[in-house]
Amino acid sequence: MKLFATWKAALSATIPVAGEPMFALAEGSAGVDSSRGRSTDVKAAQSSVPAPQENRPAKAEPILSCRDLWKVYGGDARRVRAILAEGSSRDEKIARLIAEGANPSVAGVSLDVRNGEILMVMGLSGSGKSTMVRCLSRLIEPEAGEVRFEGLDLLQAKPADLTEIRRRKIGMVFQNFGLMGHLTAINNVAFPLRVQGMALADRLAKARGMLELVGLAGREDCLPHQLSGGQQQRVGIARSLITDPDLWFLDEPFSALDPLIRKQMQDEFLRLQAKLHKTIIFVTHDFLEAARLGDRIAIMKDGKIVQIGSVLDFLLNPADDYVRSFVADVPALRVVKAGQIAVPAKEPFSSQGDPVVNADESIESTLKCFLGGAQRVVVRKADGTIAGVIDHNLIKSFLGRTNSGHA
């Protein structure tokens, strides 16, 4: 709170109040998603802060979709199926299921995950997040709904087809690593290729390359017990990527690690994603981790998705008190990136004399430019192109609209 007040007071003293912003945000104009440099549609906002949008690759189609997905434990199976087949509302179905002694762990979930997107799934313990992920991969059989992966309904797929999809197109990493203790690191990583029938020399060569990719070159012959927790998780990540999957499920993969190692693994994750561009569903209980790693976040409660959207959606427009509790202590100035609020400048545009910041720099870092007397800041993407600009009206409006006092 003190830091936020200091920033705001300093800005008020340093920056004159202007009647009009230096640039206008046009209806439907394009903003930019932080460090990934992806374009994102931005609607005209009544204030200077762009309305938060879902961060997704432009024109990307859903690679995974689910509609009205249900997983119910307990109760009479026939009664459960009958209730779910009725045309009543989701809340009515939930009430009837509970009255029957059943527990809807996943309750009518619908979502789309687009190609190359990182969707973070959050919720308190028992909210249904891990169960939902297992339903999406059909490790757990849902009672009702539809799950489409690359156009195929997984819930209708034959067992042999489903096995082949998991072997070749879906990678999974779980909290407990799941390494085989009698196999070396390289043989753990190569195991999925062994199941596929790949020749020994070929699979070992590929596994060696994957271990190098995750920073474990030279540790190929170590058994799991000879590796640290972070190294074991790297082996698990390498194994899950060895088949070059189109879809990657990660269920709290870093939660059992020490904070320092966890930060290192997050850095490793971002480095890998920058190279591989996978479609990822990542379960976490940590909003800061979700904000740092994800394009969008979905928060679950009682088996339902309460809100789904970008970090800005949650900071500016939390759906209810439950969601608000997740972001109450989030340091918005450090979490939100310059690229997430930058908007296009009016033409003709010249950046001569304006300070330049990278799109993945935090708002906290960007504020220093304004405190130094700058009237606007140019935001640059990783490829060197201009993402947009931030002027003093925009930054002050952002500070006023976000609950940034915790920064």
Protein backbone atom coordinates (compact mmCIF):
# COMPACT_ATOMS: atom_id res chain seq x y z
CA MET A 1 0.00 0.00 0.00
CA LYS A 2 2.81 2.43 0.87
CA LEU A 3 4.61 1.79 -2.41
CA PHE A 4 1.43 2.37 -4.44
CA ALA A 5 0.69 5.62 -2.58
CA THR A 6 4.25 6.80 -3.18
CA TRP A 7 4.01 6.11 -6.92
CA LYS A 8 0.65 7.83 -7.21
CA ALA A 9 1.69 10.90 -5.23
CA ALA A 10 4.89 11.21 -7.22
CA LEU A 11 3.02 10.95 -10.50
CA SER A 12 0.51 13.56 -9.44
CA ALA A 13 3.29 15.95 -8.51
CA THR A 14 5.43 15.26 -11.57
CA ILE A 15 2.91 14.92 -14.40
CA PRO A 16 0.54 17.72 -15.33
CA VAL A 17 -3.10 16.83 -15.82
CA ALA A 18 -3.90 17.04 -19.52
CA GLY A 19 -7.34 17.55 -20.96
CA GLU A 20 -6.92 14.99 -23.71
CA PRO A 21 -4.72 11.91 -24.01
CA MET A 22 -1.87 12.06 -26.49
CA PHE A 23 -3.53 9.36 -28.53
CA ALA A 24 -6.99 7.91 -28.92
CA LEU A 25 -8.06 4.32 -28.60
CA ALA A 26 -10.28 3.47 -31.55
CA GLU A 27 -13.11 0.98 -31.39
CA GLY A 28 -11.72 -2.46 -32.13
CA SER A 29 -8.12 -1.31 -32.32
CA ALA A 30 -5.34 -3.71 -31.52
CA GLY A 31 -3.42 -3.83 -28.29
CA VAL A 32 -0.57 -6.18 -27.51
CA ASP A 33 -0.17 -9.04 -25.10
CA SER A 34 2.93 -8.60 -22.94
CA SER A 35 6.09 -10.56 -23.62
CA ARG A 36 4.63 -12.95 -26.17
CA GLY A 37 3.91 -10.14 -28.60
CA ARG A 38 0.51 -11.54 -29.60
CA SER A 39 -2.12 -9.16 -30.84
CA THR A 40 -5.33 -8.91 -28.86
CA ASP A 41 -8.54 -7.08 -29.72
CA VAL A 42 -9.15 -4.10 -27.47
CA LYS A 43 -12.53 -2.35 -27.26
CA ALA A 44 -12.78 1.35 -26.66
CA ALA A 45 -12.82 2.04 -22.97
CA GLN A 46 -14.57 4.89 -21.22
CA SER A 47 -11.40 5.57 -19.29
CA SER A 48 -7.92 5.64 -20.78
CA VAL A 49 -7.19 2.07 -19.69
CA PRO A 50 -7.97 -0.42 -22.46
CA ALA A 51 -10.68 -2.89 -21.62
CA PRO A 52 -9.01 -6.22 -20.74
CA GLN A 53 -9.31 -8.86 -23.39
CA GLU A 54 -8.55 -12.54 -23.71
CA ASN A 55 -4.92 -12.90 -24.75
CA ARG A 56 -4.89 -15.27 -27.66
CA PRO A 57 -3.05 -15.69 -30.94
CA ALA A 58 -4.73 -13.77 -33.74
CA LYS A 59 -7.19 -15.86 -35.75
CA ALA A 60 -6.15 -19.01 -33.88
CA GLU A 61 -8.75 -21.76 -33.85
CA PRO A 62 -9.52 -23.84 -30.76
CA ILE A 63 -7.40 -26.95 -30.58
CA LEU A 64 -9.38 -28.20 -27.58
CA SER A 65 -13.01 -27.49 -26.71
CA CYS A 66 -15.39 -28.84 -24.13
CA ARG A 67 -19.10 -28.26 -23.77
CA ASP A 68 -21.29 -28.90 -20.73
CA LEU A 69 -18.75 -31.27 -19.16
CA TRP A 70 -19.83 -33.14 -16.02
CA LYS A 71 -18.04 -35.46 -13.61
CA VAL A 72 -20.19 -36.70 -10.74
CA TYR A 73 -19.14 -38.91 -7.84
CA GLY A 74 -21.57 -40.92 -5.74
CA GLY A 75 -25.31 -41.32 -6.10
CA ASP A 76 -27.20 -43.80 -8.26
CA ALA A 77 -25.60 -43.88 -11.72
CA ARG A 78 -28.92 -44.14 -13.57
CA ARG A 79 -30.45 -41.27 -11.61
CA VAL A 80 -27.34 -39.15 -12.23
CA ARG A 81 -27.50 -39.76 -15.98
CA ALA A 82 -31.21 -38.99 -16.03
CA ILE A 83 -30.71 -35.67 -14.21
CA LEU A 84 -27.88 -34.64 -16.52
CA ALA A 85 -29.98 -35.49 -19.59
CA GLU A 86 -32.75 -33.12 -18.54
CA GLY A 87 -33.11 -29.66 -20.03
CA SER A 88 -32.95 -27.88 -16.68
CA SER A 89 -30.35 -25.25 -15.83
CA ARG A 90 -26.93 -26.09 -14.46
CA ASP A 91 -27.79 -24.85 -10.96
CA GLU A 92 -30.98 -26.90 -10.95
CA LYS A 93 -29.02 -30.00 -11.96
CA ILE A 94 -26.47 -29.37 -9.23
CA ALA A 95 -29.20 -29.01 -6.61
CA ARG A 96 -30.90 -32.22 -7.72
CA LEU A 97 -27.63 -34.16 -7.81
CA ILE A 98 -26.75 -33.05 -4.29
CA ALA A 99 -30.24 -34.02 -3.12
CA GLU A 100 -29.58 -37.49 -4.57
CA GLY A 101 -26.40 -37.79 -2.52
CA ALA A 102 -24.10 -37.17 -5.50
CA ASN A 103 -21.13 -34.80 -5.68
CA PRO A 104 -20.70 -32.87 -8.97
CA SER A 105 -16.92 -32.39 -9.08
CA VAL A 106 -17.05 -30.87 -12.57
CA ALA A 107 -20.34 -29.10 -13.22
CA GLY A 108 -21.25 -28.11 -16.75
CA VAL A 109 -17.87 -26.69 -17.76
CA SER A 110 -17.51 -25.21 -21.25
CA LEU A 111 -14.33 -23.66 -22.62
CA ASP A 112 -12.09 -23.29 -25.68
CA VAL A 113 -8.30 -23.49 -25.69
CA ARG A 114 -6.70 -22.00 -28.77
CA ASN A 115 -3.64 -23.17 -30.62
CA GLY A 116 -0.47 -21.94 -28.89
CA GLU A 117 -2.33 -20.61 -25.85
CA ILE A 118 -1.39 -21.14 -22.21
CA LEU A 119 -4.56 -21.48 -20.13
CA MET A 120 -3.96 -21.44 -16.38
CA VAL A 121 -6.60 -23.20 -14.27
CA MET A 122 -6.93 -22.11 -10.64
CA GLY A 123 -9.10 -22.75 -7.63
CA LEU A 124 -9.02 -23.77 -4.00
CA SER A 125 -8.54 -27.40 -3.02
CA GLY A 126 -11.63 -29.34 -4.05
CA SER A 127 -12.70 -26.80 -6.67
CA GLY A 128 -12.49 -29.41 -9.44
CA LYS A 129 -9.50 -28.08 -11.37
CA SER A 130 -7.46 -31.29 -11.44
CA THR A 131 -10.55 -33.41 -12.05
CA MET A 132 -11.47 -31.24 -15.02
CA VAL A 133 -8.01 -31.63 -16.55
CA ARG A 134 -8.23 -35.40 -16.18
CA CYS A 135 -11.65 -35.35 -17.81
CA LEU A 136 -10.29 -33.32 -20.73
CA SER A 137 -7.62 -35.97 -21.30
CA ARG A 138 -10.15 -38.71 -20.45
CA LEU A 139 -7.95 -40.14 -17.74
CA ILE A 140 -11.23 -39.86 -15.83
CA GLU A 141 -14.49 -40.69 -17.60
CA PRO A 142 -17.01 -37.82 -17.46
CA GLU A 143 -20.70 -38.57 -16.99
CA ALA A 144 -21.79 -36.16 -19.71
CA GLY A 145 -20.57 -33.53 -22.11
CA GLU A 146 -18.35 -33.20 -25.14
CA VAL A 147 -14.57 -32.87 -25.43
CA ARG A 148 -13.18 -32.13 -28.89
CA PHE A 149 -9.47 -32.28 -29.61
CA GLU A 150 -8.44 -31.29 -33.13
CA GLY A 151 -12.03 -31.91 -34.21
CA LEU A 152 -12.33 -35.40 -32.69
CA ASP A 153 -14.79 -36.05 -29.86
CA LEU A 154 -12.56 -37.76 -27.30
CA LEU A 155 -15.53 -39.06 -25.32
CA GLN A 156 -16.64 -41.05 -28.35
CA ALA A 157 -13.17 -42.22 -29.37
CA LYS A 158 -12.40 -45.94 -29.35
CA PRO A 159 -9.93 -47.08 -26.69
CA ALA A 160 -7.24 -47.89 -29.26
CA ASP A 161 -7.62 -44.47 -30.90
CA LEU A 162 -7.54 -42.73 -27.53
CA THR A 163 -4.35 -44.57 -26.56
CA GLU A 164 -2.70 -43.53 -29.81
CA ILE A 165 -3.73 -39.89 -29.29
CA ARG A 166 -2.22 -39.90 -25.79
CA ARG A 167 0.98 -41.49 -27.05
CA ARG A 168 1.58 -39.08 -29.90
CA LYS A 169 -0.40 -35.88 -29.41
CA ILE A 170 -0.82 -35.25 -25.66
CA GLY A 171 1.88 -34.71 -23.05
CA MET A 172 1.23 -34.73 -19.30
CA VAL A 173 3.22 -33.63 -16.25
CA PHE A 174 1.98 -34.10 -12.70
CA GLN A 175 3.10 -32.91 -9.30
CA ASN A 176 4.67 -36.19 -8.18
CA PHE A 177 6.98 -36.46 -11.24
CA GLY A 178 6.08 -40.14 -11.89
CA LEU A 179 9.59 -41.21 -12.82
CA MET A 180 10.51 -44.90 -12.87
CA GLY A 181 13.12 -45.41 -10.17
CA HIS A 182 14.97 -48.24 -11.91
CA LEU A 183 15.51 -46.28 -15.12
CA THR A 184 18.15 -43.63 -15.74
CA ALA A 185 17.15 -40.12 -16.72
CA ILE A 186 17.70 -40.78 -20.41
CA ASN A 187 15.72 -44.01 -20.33
CA ASN A 188 12.88 -42.33 -18.43
CA VAL A 189 12.71 -39.66 -21.11
CA ALA A 190 12.97 -42.20 -23.93
CA PHE A 191 10.28 -44.49 -22.51
CA PRO A 192 7.34 -43.07 -24.53
CA LEU A 193 9.35 -43.63 -27.72
CA ARG A 194 10.06 -47.17 -26.60
CA VAL A 195 6.30 -47.71 -26.28
CA GLN A 196 5.91 -46.35 -29.81
CA GLY A 197 8.42 -48.94 -31.06
CA MET A 198 11.21 -46.55 -32.05
CA ALA A 199 14.64 -48.10 -32.47
CA LEU A 200 16.94 -47.89 -29.43
CA ALA A 201 19.61 -45.68 -30.99
CA ASP A 202 17.04 -43.25 -32.38
CA ARG A 203 15.10 -42.88 -29.16
CA LEU A 204 18.23 -42.42 -27.05
CA ALA A 205 19.50 -39.74 -29.43
CA LYS A 206 16.20 -37.91 -29.23
CA ALA A 207 16.06 -38.27 -25.43
CA ARG A 208 19.60 -36.93 -25.13
CA GLY A 209 18.61 -33.87 -27.13
CA MET A 210 15.53 -33.34 -24.99
CA LEU A 211 17.57 -33.54 -21.77
CA GLU A 212 19.93 -30.94 -23.21
CA LEU A 213 16.92 -28.75 -24.01
CA VAL A 214 15.79 -28.78 -20.37
CA GLY A 215 19.30 -28.14 -19.06
CA LEU A 216 20.27 -31.65 -17.96
CA ALA A 217 23.13 -32.40 -20.35
CA GLY A 218 25.60 -34.63 -18.50
CA ARG A 219 22.96 -36.12 -16.19
CA GLU A 220 21.69 -38.72 -18.65
CA ASP A 221 22.88 -41.74 -16.66
CA CYS A 222 21.63 -40.61 -13.24
CA LEU A 223 18.86 -42.51 -11.52
CA PRO A 224 15.96 -40.43 -10.13
CA HIS A 225 17.19 -40.65 -6.54
CA GLN A 226 20.49 -39.11 -7.66
CA LEU A 227 18.72 -35.98 -8.91
CA SER A 228 17.31 -33.01 -7.01
CA GLY A 229 13.59 -32.28 -7.01
CA GLY A 230 13.98 -29.64 -9.70
CA GLN A 231 16.08 -31.98 -11.83
CA GLN A 232 13.52 -34.76 -11.46
CA GLN A 233 10.80 -32.40 -12.63
CA ARG A 234 12.93 -31.43 -15.62
CA VAL A 235 13.18 -35.11 -16.52
CA GLY A 236 9.39 -35.36 -16.25
CA ILE A 237 8.99 -32.33 -18.51
CA ALA A 238 11.46 -33.74 -21.03
CA ARG A 239 9.62 -37.07 -21.07
CA SER A 240 6.27 -35.36 -21.62
CA LEU A 241 7.69 -33.43 -24.60
CA ILE A 242 9.64 -36.26 -26.23
CA THR A 243 6.77 -37.17 -28.58
CA ASP A 244 6.34 -33.52 -29.64
CA PRO A 245 2.72 -33.35 -28.41
CA ASP A 246 0.23 -30.83 -29.76
CA LEU A 247 -1.39 -30.44 -26.33
CA TRP A 248 0.41 -30.29 -22.98
CA PHE A 249 -1.29 -30.82 -19.61
CA LEU A 250 0.56 -29.73 -16.46
CA ASP A 251 -1.09 -30.33 -13.09
CA GLU A 252 0.69 -28.25 -10.41
CA PRO A 253 4.09 -29.39 -11.71
CA PHE A 254 6.11 -26.95 -9.57
CA SER A 255 4.07 -26.79 -6.37
CA ALA A 256 6.19 -29.34 -4.49
CA LEU A 257 9.42 -27.49 -5.21
CA ASP A 258 11.25 -25.00 -3.02
CA PRO A 259 10.52 -21.34 -3.90
CA LEU A 260 13.91 -20.69 -5.54
CA ILE A 261 13.78 -23.88 -7.60
CA ARG A 262 10.17 -23.13 -8.47
CA LYS A 263 11.15 -19.73 -9.87
CA GLN A 264 13.90 -21.39 -11.90
CA MET A 265 11.42 -23.93 -13.28
CA GLN A 266 9.01 -21.14 -14.23
CA ASP A 267 11.85 -19.46 -16.11
CA GLU A 268 12.63 -22.79 -17.79
CA PHE A 269 8.98 -23.23 -18.71
CA LEU A 270 8.84 -19.80 -20.38
CA ARG A 271 12.09 -20.49 -22.23
CA LEU A 272 10.77 -23.80 -23.55
CA GLN A 273 7.44 -22.30 -24.57
CA ALA A 274 9.21 -19.52 -26.48
CA LYS A 275 10.91 -22.25 -28.53
CA LEU A 276 8.15 -24.84 -28.80
CA HIS A 277 4.89 -22.82 -28.88
CA LYS A 278 2.78 -25.59 -27.34
CA THR A 279 -0.89 -25.41 -26.44
CA ILE A 280 -0.91 -25.76 -22.66
CA ILE A 281 -3.41 -26.27 -19.86
CA PHE A 282 -1.60 -25.58 -16.59
CA VAL A 283 -3.18 -26.17 -13.17
CA THR A 284 -1.91 -24.04 -10.28
CA HIS A 285 -3.08 -22.68 -6.94
CA ASP A 286 -0.83 -19.61 -7.19
CA PHE A 287 -2.26 -16.52 -8.91
CA LEU A 288 1.18 -14.95 -9.30
CA GLU A 289 2.35 -18.06 -11.14
CA ALA A 290 -0.78 -17.95 -13.29
CA ALA A 291 -0.26 -14.27 -14.08
CA ARG A 292 3.39 -14.78 -14.94
CA LEU A 293 2.99 -17.85 -17.14
CA GLY A 294 -0.46 -17.73 -18.66
CA ASP A 295 -2.23 -16.02 -21.54
CA ARG A 296 -5.59 -16.52 -19.82
CA ILE A 297 -6.68 -17.69 -16.40
CA ALA A 298 -9.75 -19.72 -15.43
CA ILE A 299 -10.79 -19.74 -11.77
CA MET A 300 -12.96 -22.63 -10.57
CA LYS A 301 -15.25 -23.07 -7.58
CA ASP A 302 -17.52 -26.02 -6.76
CA GLY A 303 -16.80 -27.62 -10.12
CA LYS A 304 -17.71 -24.50 -12.13
CA ILE A 305 -15.61 -21.90 -13.92
CA VAL A 306 -16.41 -18.66 -12.12
CA GLN A 307 -14.39 -16.40 -14.41
CA ILE A 308 -12.05 -16.79 -17.35
CA GLY A 309 -9.95 -14.07 -18.92
CA SER A 310 -6.68 -12.15 -18.83
CA VAL A 311 -4.84 -10.85 -15.79
CA LEU A 312 -6.37 -7.43 -16.43
CA ASP A 313 -9.86 -8.95 -16.43
CA PHE A 314 -9.32 -10.20 -12.91
CA LEU A 315 -7.67 -7.03 -11.63
CA LEU A 316 -10.15 -4.59 -13.16
CA ASN A 317 -13.37 -6.62 -13.21
CA PRO A 318 -13.39 -9.53 -10.73
CA ALA A 319 -16.61 -11.49 -11.16
CA ASP A 320 -17.41 -11.84 -7.45
CA ASP A 321 -15.93 -11.85 -3.96
CA TYR A 322 -14.46 -15.33 -4.47
CA VAL A 323 -12.44 -14.12 -7.45
CA ARG A 324 -11.64 -10.87 -5.67
CA SER A 325 -10.06 -12.86 -2.84
CA PHE A 326 -7.56 -14.36 -5.30
CA VAL A 327 -6.34 -10.95 -6.47
CA ALA A 328 -6.65 -9.06 -3.17
CA ASP A 329 -2.92 -9.28 -2.45
CA VAL A 330 -1.66 -9.34 -6.03
CA PRO A 331 1.01 -6.67 -6.68
CA ALA A 332 -0.59 -5.33 -9.85
CA LEU A 333 2.28 -2.95 -10.61
CA ARG A 334 4.64 -5.91 -10.83
CA VAL A 335 2.26 -8.40 -12.44
CA VAL A 336 0.86 -6.34 -15.32
CA LYS A 337 3.24 -5.79 -18.23
CA ALA A 338 3.66 -2.70 -20.35
CA GLY A 339 2.57 -4.60 -23.44
CA GLN A 340 -0.76 -5.45 -21.83
CA ILE A 341 -1.92 -1.84 -21.60
CA ALA A 342 -0.05 -0.25 -24.52
CA VAL A 343 -2.26 1.13 -27.30
CA PRO A 344 -1.49 2.22 -30.87
CA ALA A 345 -0.36 5.81 -31.36
CA LYS A 346 -2.01 8.17 -33.78
CA GLU A 347 -0.38 8.54 -37.16
CA PRO A 348 1.97 10.06 -38.07
CA PHE A 349 4.01 8.53 -35.28
CA SER A 350 7.53 9.38 -34.24
CA SER A 351 9.23 7.91 -31.18
CA GLN A 352 12.16 10.32 -31.29
CA GLY A 353 13.07 11.40 -27.78
CA ASP A 354 10.62 9.05 -26.06
CA PRO A 355 11.97 6.41 -23.66
CA VAL A 356 11.54 2.84 -24.87
CA VAL A 357 10.60 -0.14 -22.68
CA ASN A 358 10.19 -3.80 -23.57
CA ALA A 359 6.67 -5.22 -23.73
CA ASP A 360 7.43 -7.68 -20.93
CA GLU A 361 8.60 -4.99 -18.49
CA SER A 362 6.33 -4.43 -15.52
CA ILE A 363 4.23 -1.32 -15.00
CA GLU A 364 6.35 -0.66 -11.92
CA SER A 365 9.45 -0.46 -14.11
CA THR A 366 7.64 1.66 -16.71
CA LEU A 367 6.57 4.18 -14.06
CA LYS A 368 10.19 5.18 -13.52
CA CYS A 369 10.21 6.73 -16.99
CA PHE A 370 7.29 8.99 -16.08
CA LEU A 371 8.85 9.92 -12.77
CA GLY A 372 11.85 11.04 -14.80
CA GLY A 373 9.65 13.51 -16.67
CA ALA A 374 8.59 11.51 -19.74
CA GLN A 375 5.19 12.37 -21.22
CA ARG A 376 4.86 9.01 -22.95
CA VAL A 377 6.71 5.73 -23.30
CA VAL A 378 7.16 3.62 -26.42
CA VAL A 379 6.63 -0.12 -25.89
CA ARG A 380 8.72 -2.47 -28.00
CA LYS A 381 8.04 -6.17 -28.69
CA ALA A 382 10.69 -8.88 -28.48
CA ASP A 383 11.21 -8.78 -32.26
CA GLY A 384 12.04 -5.07 -32.12
CA THR A 385 8.79 -3.80 -33.62
CA ILE A 386 6.69 -1.17 -31.84
CA ALA A 387 3.89 -2.62 -29.74
CA GLY A 388 2.29 0.70 -28.89
CA VAL A 389 2.61 3.60 -26.50
CA ILE A 390 1.63 4.52 -22.96
CA ASP A 391 1.02 8.17 -22.06
CA HIS A 392 0.65 9.78 -18.64
CA ASN A 393 -3.17 9.79 -18.78
CA LEU A 394 -3.20 6.06 -19.49
CA ILE A 395 -0.80 5.23 -16.67
CA LYS A 396 -2.69 7.40 -14.16
CA SER A 397 -5.98 5.85 -15.21
CA PHE A 398 -4.49 2.38 -14.76
CA LEU A 399 -3.32 3.25 -11.26
CA GLY A 400 -6.77 4.57 -10.43
CA ARG A 401 -8.66 1.54 -11.73
CA THR A 402 -6.55 -1.29 -10.37
CA ASN A 403 -6.37 -2.38 -6.78
CA SER A 404 -2.65 -1.77 -6.85
CA GLY A 405 -2.21 -0.81 -3.25
CA HIS A 406 -0.67 -4.18 -2.53
CA ALA A 407 2.22 -3.55 -4.85
